[in-house]
């Protein structure tokens, strides 16, 4: 009985335990058949009948114990309770880590393509510079990136024109 408790560990050992249970079932059936065959004789030998019957009962007890352990193990696995020999959580963690790794590789590949495209465009001169409205290109020199980030303020001459225009509109009202 101590050996069947140890067989609940690894999957291969569980399969071996199930094979032993299967052999025990066939042994129990043979013992029961031999006991019935002895009883069917005209003069049955009671010692043989008792021997086959006790062998049947002993084997039946071993079968019951082995199946109980296997069922207990399966009920622990199916309800996600922690148990010895379970590798499901570790396998799931491994699969999720592999999935995350593949996702990171994919994203890095995409970023590398974008980087290479940008470098290629930069070397061929296709990279767009900052766009400047045509009205500003006539009045000002090309902007540096720092100047583009600052808000555009009208020049004093333009400010005066705007004020004059506003006064004319108010006078018309």
Protein backbone atom coordinates (compact mmCIF):
# COMPACT_ATOMS: atom_id res chain seq x y z
CA UNK A 1 0.00 0.00 0.00
CA UNK A 2 2.94 2.38 0.62
CA UNK A 3 4.12 1.84 -2.96
CA UNK A 4 0.75 2.93 -4.40
CA UNK A 5 0.93 6.23 -2.49
CA UNK A 6 4.28 6.97 -4.10
CA UNK A 7 2.95 6.20 -7.58
CA UNK A 8 0.64 9.20 -7.52
CA UNK A 9 3.58 11.57 -8.28
CA UNK A 10 4.71 11.74 -11.87
CA UNK A 11 2.42 11.05 -14.84
CA UNK A 12 4.43 7.98 -15.89
CA UNK A 13 4.17 6.53 -12.39
CA UNK A 14 0.41 7.19 -12.35
CA UNK A 15 0.08 5.27 -15.61
CA UNK A 16 2.08 2.38 -14.15
CA UNK A 17 -0.21 2.38 -11.11
CA UNK A 18 -3.25 2.22 -13.39
CA UNK A 19 -1.69 -0.70 -15.29
CA UNK A 20 -1.15 -2.52 -11.97
CA UNK A 21 -4.79 -1.89 -11.05
CA UNK A 22 -5.83 -3.32 -14.42
CA UNK A 23 -3.76 -6.46 -13.80
CA UNK A 24 -5.25 -6.76 -10.32
CA UNK A 25 -8.74 -6.62 -11.82
CA UNK A 26 -7.93 -9.51 -14.14
CA UNK A 27 -6.41 -11.44 -11.22
CA UNK A 28 -9.54 -10.85 -9.13
CA UNK A 29 -11.78 -12.06 -11.96
CA UNK A 30 -9.63 -15.19 -12.34
CA UNK A 31 -9.83 -15.89 -8.59
CA UNK A 32 -13.60 -15.47 -8.61
CA UNK A 33 -13.86 -17.75 -11.66
CA UNK A 34 -11.69 -20.41 -10.02
CA UNK A 35 -13.79 -20.23 -6.83
CA UNK A 36 -17.01 -20.64 -8.84
CA UNK A 37 -15.50 -23.46 -10.88
CA UNK A 38 -14.53 -25.27 -7.68
CA UNK A 39 -18.03 -24.75 -6.29
CA UNK A 40 -19.59 -26.20 -9.46
CA UNK A 41 -17.87 -29.56 -8.92
CA UNK A 42 -19.76 -32.48 -7.41
CA UNK A 43 -17.39 -32.57 -4.45
CA UNK A 44 -15.78 -29.07 -4.05
CA UNK A 45 -12.64 -28.76 -1.96
CA UNK A 46 -13.51 -26.14 0.62
CA UNK A 47 -9.82 -25.20 1.13
CA UNK A 48 -9.51 -24.32 -2.59
CA UNK A 49 -12.75 -22.33 -2.53
CA UNK A 50 -11.65 -20.43 0.59
CA UNK A 51 -8.18 -19.80 -0.88
CA UNK A 52 -9.61 -18.44 -4.15
CA UNK A 53 -12.21 -16.40 -2.27
CA UNK A 54 -9.66 -14.85 0.11
CA UNK A 55 -7.37 -14.13 -2.84
CA UNK A 56 -10.31 -12.47 -4.62
CA UNK A 57 -11.17 -10.31 -1.57
CA UNK A 58 -7.54 -9.31 -0.99
CA UNK A 59 -7.08 -8.33 -4.62
CA UNK A 60 -10.40 -6.49 -4.59
CA UNK A 61 -9.21 -4.43 -1.58
CA UNK A 62 -5.99 -3.47 -3.43
CA UNK A 63 -8.04 -2.44 -6.46
CA UNK A 64 -10.30 -0.30 -4.31
CA UNK A 65 -7.35 1.43 -2.60
CA UNK A 66 -5.57 2.12 -5.90
CA UNK A 67 -8.68 3.48 -7.58
CA UNK A 68 -9.48 5.65 -4.54
CA UNK A 69 -6.03 7.23 -4.74
CA UNK A 70 -6.36 7.86 -8.46
CA UNK A 71 -9.84 9.35 -8.04
CA UNK A 72 -8.61 11.54 -5.17
CA UNK A 73 -5.75 12.78 -7.32
CA UNK A 74 -8.07 13.50 -10.25
CA UNK A 75 -10.52 15.39 -8.03
CA UNK A 76 -7.66 17.58 -6.76
CA UNK A 77 -6.47 18.26 -10.30
CA UNK A 78 -9.93 19.03 -11.65
CA UNK A 79 -10.74 21.51 -8.86
CA UNK A 80 -7.36 23.29 -9.17
CA UNK A 81 -6.35 22.52 -5.60
CA UNK A 82 -2.62 22.40 -4.96
CA UNK A 83 -1.30 18.87 -4.99
CA UNK A 84 1.96 17.02 -5.36
CA UNK A 85 2.97 16.19 -8.87
CA UNK A 86 0.92 18.90 -10.50
CA UNK A 87 2.69 20.66 -13.29
CA UNK A 88 -0.32 22.45 -14.76
CA UNK A 89 0.43 25.82 -13.18
CA UNK A 90 4.06 25.67 -14.26
CA UNK A 91 3.10 24.65 -17.78
CA UNK A 92 0.56 27.47 -17.99
CA UNK A 93 3.15 29.99 -16.73
CA UNK A 94 5.62 28.71 -19.33
CA UNK A 95 3.07 29.02 -22.14
CA UNK A 96 2.14 32.54 -21.10
CA UNK A 97 5.82 33.55 -20.85
CA UNK A 98 6.47 32.13 -24.30
CA UNK A 99 3.46 34.02 -25.66
CA UNK A 100 4.66 37.28 -24.10
CA UNK A 101 8.16 36.66 -25.46
CA UNK A 102 6.81 36.14 -28.99
CA UNK A 103 4.74 39.31 -28.67
CA UNK A 104 7.80 41.32 -27.56
CA UNK A 105 9.84 39.89 -30.45
CA UNK A 106 7.09 40.83 -32.87
CA UNK A 107 6.89 44.40 -31.55
CA UNK A 108 10.68 44.76 -31.61
CA UNK A 109 10.68 43.56 -35.21
CA UNK A 110 8.07 46.17 -36.12
CA UNK A 111 10.06 48.91 -34.39
CA UNK A 112 13.22 47.78 -36.18
CA UNK A 113 11.42 48.02 -39.54
CA UNK A 114 10.24 51.54 -38.72
CA UNK A 115 13.77 52.51 -37.67
CA UNK A 116 15.30 51.08 -40.86
CA UNK A 117 12.68 52.85 -43.00
CA UNK A 118 13.41 56.14 -41.25
CA UNK A 119 17.17 55.69 -41.71
CA UNK A 120 16.66 54.84 -45.39
CA UNK A 121 14.50 57.90 -45.93
CA UNK A 122 16.98 60.10 -44.10
CA UNK A 123 19.86 58.93 -46.29
CA UNK A 124 17.89 59.34 -49.51
CA UNK A 125 16.65 62.78 -48.49
CA UNK A 126 13.00 61.79 -48.57
CA UNK A 127 12.42 62.63 -44.92
CA UNK A 128 9.91 65.45 -44.63
CA UNK A 129 11.00 68.57 -42.89
CA UNK A 130 8.63 70.57 -40.79
CA UNK A 131 5.92 72.10 -42.97
CA UNK A 132 5.68 75.88 -42.92
CA UNK A 133 2.64 77.70 -44.28
CA UNK A 134 3.38 79.72 -47.43
CA UNK A 135 2.38 83.01 -45.79
CA UNK A 136 5.12 82.60 -43.21
CA UNK A 137 7.81 81.56 -45.70
CA UNK A 138 7.60 84.94 -47.42
CA UNK A 139 7.92 86.94 -44.21
CA UNK A 140 10.39 84.88 -42.20
CA UNK A 141 13.47 82.79 -42.68
CA UNK A 142 13.26 79.00 -42.30
CA UNK A 143 12.57 77.87 -38.76
CA UNK A 144 14.75 75.73 -36.58
CA UNK A 145 12.91 72.99 -34.68
CA UNK A 146 13.04 75.09 -31.50
CA UNK A 147 11.44 78.03 -33.24
CA UNK A 148 8.66 75.86 -34.63
CA UNK A 149 7.64 74.73 -31.18
CA UNK A 150 7.10 78.32 -30.02
CA UNK A 151 3.75 79.90 -30.84
CA UNK A 152 3.80 82.33 -33.75
CA UNK A 153 3.38 85.96 -32.74
CA UNK A 154 2.50 88.53 -35.40
CA UNK A 155 5.08 91.16 -36.25
CA UNK A 156 4.39 94.77 -35.16
CA UNK A 157 3.39 95.77 -38.72
CA UNK A 158 0.81 92.98 -38.87
CA UNK A 159 -0.47 93.91 -35.42
CA UNK A 160 -1.09 97.48 -36.59
CA UNK A 161 -2.99 96.23 -39.65
CA UNK A 162 -5.17 94.02 -37.46
CA UNK A 163 -6.00 96.93 -35.12
CA UNK A 164 -6.91 99.17 -38.05
CA UNK A 165 -9.15 96.49 -39.50
CA UNK A 166 -10.93 96.01 -36.15
CA UNK A 167 -11.51 99.82 -35.86
CA UNK A 168 -13.01 99.93 -39.34
CA UNK A 169 -15.41 97.13 -38.48
CA UNK A 170 -16.48 98.89 -35.27
CA UNK A 171 -17.00 102.19 -37.12
CA UNK A 172 -19.28 100.51 -39.62
CA UNK A 173 -21.52 99.28 -36.83
